[in-house]
């Protein structure tokens, strides 16, 4: 598949996580849930279905919720607890205001 995931471990892991989030096989060559391809895409319905399944799992928390809790703890003076939450956000491999704020807060002294 053009622009597909050629390395098997990340693709198979992603595919199996799709099953954990209630997705079924779908034989469209570019789709992550297709068998025997290097496809990596999901359609809007699959994205919504995955999000709905993840929302039911109490141990999965949205980054927005974690960051809000970290900010509240930080402003409340509970810096060690806030740092635990900021570490979760700072580890996300994105460059955005939220991850930048988390990284900056981790640099401040407790």
C-alpha atoms as a PDB file:
ATOM      1  CA  UNK A   1       0.000   0.000   0.000  1.00  0.00           C
ATOM      2  CA  UNK A   2       1.423   3.405  -0.955  1.00  0.00           C
ATOM      3  CA  UNK A   3       2.471   5.298   2.196  1.00  0.00           C
ATOM      4  CA  UNK A   4       1.542   2.257   4.277  1.00  0.00           C
ATOM      5  CA  UNK A   5       3.263   1.013   7.422  1.00  0.00           C
ATOM      6  CA  UNK A   6       5.989  -1.309   6.158  1.00  0.00           C
ATOM      7  CA  UNK A   7       7.335  -2.325   9.565  1.00  0.00           C
ATOM      8  CA  UNK A   8       5.222  -5.215  10.844  1.00  0.00           C
ATOM      9  CA  UNK A   9       5.441  -4.730  14.616  1.00  0.00           C
ATOM     10  CA  UNK A  10       3.934  -1.198  14.792  1.00  0.00           C
ATOM     11  CA  UNK A  11       1.265  -2.080  12.241  1.00  0.00           C
ATOM     12  CA  UNK A  12       0.266  -5.385  13.844  1.00  0.00           C
ATOM     13  CA  UNK A  13       0.225  -3.731  17.271  1.00  0.00           C
ATOM     14  CA  UNK A  14      -2.001  -0.935  15.953  1.00  0.00           C
ATOM     15  CA  UNK A  15      -4.247  -3.467  14.211  1.00  0.00           C
ATOM     16  CA  UNK A  16      -4.642  -5.506  17.410  1.00  0.00           C
ATOM     17  CA  UNK A  17      -5.348  -2.359  19.435  1.00  0.00           C
ATOM     18  CA  UNK A  18      -8.091  -1.711  16.884  1.00  0.00           C
ATOM     19  CA  UNK A  19      -9.624  -5.060  17.839  1.00  0.00           C
ATOM     20  CA  UNK A  20      -9.335  -4.140  21.536  1.00  0.00           C
ATOM     21  CA  UNK A  21     -11.315  -1.002  20.677  1.00  0.00           C
ATOM     22  CA  UNK A  22     -14.073  -3.127  19.055  1.00  0.00           C
ATOM     23  CA  UNK A  23     -13.032  -2.736  15.407  1.00  0.00           C
ATOM     24  CA  UNK A  24     -13.585  -5.642  13.003  1.00  0.00           C
ATOM     25  CA  UNK A  25     -11.608  -6.623   9.912  1.00  0.00           C
ATOM     26  CA  UNK A  26     -12.378  -4.576   6.833  1.00  0.00           C
ATOM     27  CA  UNK A  27     -10.797  -5.583   3.559  1.00  0.00           C
ATOM     28  CA  UNK A  28      -9.930  -2.233   2.066  1.00  0.00           C
ATOM     29  CA  UNK A  29      -6.211  -2.240   1.208  1.00  0.00           C
ATOM     30  CA  UNK A  30      -5.430   1.096   2.866  1.00  0.00           C
ATOM     31  CA  UNK A  31      -7.376   0.346   6.068  1.00  0.00           C
ATOM     32  CA  UNK A  32      -5.578  -0.510   9.309  1.00  0.00           C
ATOM     33  CA  UNK A  33      -8.071  -3.299   9.963  1.00  0.00           C
ATOM     34  CA  UNK A  34      -7.403  -5.067   6.642  1.00  0.00           C
ATOM     35  CA  UNK A  35      -5.496  -8.346   6.896  1.00  0.00           C
ATOM     36  CA  UNK A  36      -2.247  -8.857   5.024  1.00  0.00           C
ATOM     37  CA  UNK A  37      -1.687  -5.248   3.953  1.00  0.00           C
ATOM     38  CA  UNK A  38       0.346  -2.299   5.163  1.00  0.00           C
ATOM     39  CA  UNK A  39      -2.756  -0.105   5.416  1.00  0.00           C
ATOM     40  CA  UNK A  40      -2.964   2.413   8.210  1.00  0.00           C
ATOM     41  CA  UNK A  41      -6.164   4.444   7.792  1.00  0.00           C
ATOM     42  CA  UNK A  42      -9.456   4.404   9.680  1.00  0.00           C
ATOM     43  CA  UNK A  43     -12.675   5.957   8.447  1.00  0.00           C
ATOM     44  CA  UNK A  44     -14.743   8.413  10.506  1.00  0.00           C
ATOM     45  CA  UNK A  45     -17.110   5.692  11.763  1.00  0.00           C
ATOM     46  CA  UNK A  46     -14.178   3.562  12.950  1.00  0.00           C
ATOM     47  CA  UNK A  47     -12.609   6.537  14.700  1.00  0.00           C
ATOM     48  CA  UNK A  48     -15.875   7.294  16.508  1.00  0.00           C
ATOM     49  CA  UNK A  49     -16.363   3.614  17.388  1.00  0.00           C
ATOM     50  CA  UNK A  50     -12.813   3.436  18.802  1.00  0.00           C
ATOM     51  CA  UNK A  51     -13.293   6.604  20.826  1.00  0.00           C
ATOM     52  CA  UNK A  52     -16.596   5.325  22.215  1.00  0.00           C
ATOM     53  CA  UNK A  53     -14.951   2.047  23.236  1.00  0.00           C
ATOM     54  CA  UNK A  54     -11.997   3.864  24.838  1.00  0.00           C
ATOM     55  CA  UNK A  55     -14.373   6.174  26.705  1.00  0.00           C
ATOM     56  CA  UNK A  56     -15.862   3.134  28.470  1.00  0.00           C
ATOM     57  CA  UNK A  57     -12.451   2.103  29.806  1.00  0.00           C
ATOM     58  CA  UNK A  58     -11.937   3.948  33.084  1.00  0.00           C
ATOM     59  CA  UNK A  59      -8.144   3.696  32.893  1.00  0.00           C
ATOM     60  CA  UNK A  60      -8.050   5.689  29.650  1.00  0.00           C
ATOM     61  CA  UNK A  61      -8.248   9.413  30.362  1.00  0.00           C
ATOM     62  CA  UNK A  62      -8.296  12.198  27.790  1.00  0.00           C
ATOM     63  CA  UNK A  63      -5.148  14.338  27.782  1.00  0.00           C
ATOM     64  CA  UNK A  64      -7.336  17.417  28.268  1.00  0.00           C
ATOM     65  CA  UNK A  65      -8.664  15.953  31.537  1.00  0.00           C
ATOM     66  CA  UNK A  66      -5.177  15.037  32.778  1.00  0.00           C
ATOM     67  CA  UNK A  67      -3.853  18.504  31.987  1.00  0.00           C
ATOM     68  CA  UNK A  68      -6.779  20.188  33.756  1.00  0.00           C
ATOM     69  CA  UNK A  69      -6.152  18.079  36.852  1.00  0.00           C
ATOM     70  CA  UNK A  70      -2.421  18.848  36.729  1.00  0.00           C
ATOM     71  CA  UNK A  71      -3.092  22.589  36.416  1.00  0.00           C
ATOM     72  CA  UNK A  72      -5.535  22.513  39.340  1.00  0.00           C
ATOM     73  CA  UNK A  73      -3.023  20.660  41.523  1.00  0.00           C
ATOM     74  CA  UNK A  74      -0.250  23.050  40.475  1.00  0.00           C
ATOM     75  CA  UNK A  75      -2.312  26.140  41.290  1.00  0.00           C
ATOM     76  CA  UNK A  76      -3.338  24.546  44.592  1.00  0.00           C
ATOM     77  CA  UNK A  77       0.322  24.229  45.558  1.00  0.00           C
ATOM     78  CA  UNK A  78       0.325  20.436  45.289  1.00  0.00           C
ATOM     79  CA  UNK A  79       3.360  20.423  43.034  1.00  0.00           C
ATOM     80  CA  UNK A  80       4.534  16.782  43.490  1.00  0.00           C
ATOM     81  CA  UNK A  81       1.069  15.468  42.549  1.00  0.00           C
ATOM     82  CA  UNK A  82       0.870  17.938  39.661  1.00  0.00           C
ATOM     83  CA  UNK A  83       4.256  16.743  38.385  1.00  0.00           C
ATOM     84  CA  UNK A  84       2.942  13.164  38.152  1.00  0.00           C
ATOM     85  CA  UNK A  85       0.180  14.356  35.830  1.00  0.00           C
ATOM     86  CA  UNK A  86       2.416  16.711  33.828  1.00  0.00           C
ATOM     87  CA  UNK A  87       4.786  13.797  33.136  1.00  0.00           C
ATOM     88  CA  UNK A  88       1.944  11.996  31.366  1.00  0.00           C
ATOM     89  CA  UNK A  89       1.330  14.984  29.082  1.00  0.00           C
ATOM     90  CA  UNK A  90       5.010  15.868  28.566  1.00  0.00           C
ATOM     91  CA  UNK A  91       5.640  12.362  27.230  1.00  0.00           C
ATOM     92  CA  UNK A  92       3.221  12.776  24.330  1.00  0.00           C
ATOM     93  CA  UNK A  93       5.345  13.137  21.167  1.00  0.00           C
ATOM     94  CA  UNK A  94       3.699  16.349  19.953  1.00  0.00           C
ATOM     95  CA  UNK A  95       4.829  19.948  19.895  1.00  0.00           C
ATOM     96  CA  UNK A  96       1.800  21.957  21.008  1.00  0.00           C
ATOM     97  CA  UNK A  97       0.950  24.482  23.756  1.00  0.00           C
ATOM     98  CA  UNK A  98      -0.254  21.750  26.116  1.00  0.00           C
ATOM     99  CA  UNK A  99       2.870  19.575  25.949  1.00  0.00           C
ATOM    100  CA  UNK A 100       5.060  22.686  26.090  1.00  0.00           C
ATOM    101  CA  UNK A 101       3.288  23.870  29.268  1.00  0.00           C
ATOM    102  CA  UNK A 102       3.636  20.432  30.849  1.00  0.00           C
ATOM    103  CA  UNK A 103       7.365  20.342  30.058  1.00  0.00           C
ATOM    104  CA  UNK A 104       7.879  23.838  31.472  1.00  0.00           C
ATOM    105  CA  UNK A 105       6.002  22.979  34.667  1.00  0.00           C
ATOM    106  CA  UNK A 106       8.180  19.894  35.079  1.00  0.00           C
ATOM    107  CA  UNK A 107      11.265  22.126  34.997  1.00  0.00           C
ATOM    108  CA  UNK A 108      10.036  24.289  37.886  1.00  0.00           C
ATOM    109  CA  UNK A 109      11.063  23.325  41.390  1.00  0.00           C
ATOM    110  CA  UNK A 110       8.420  21.599  43.537  1.00  0.00           C
END
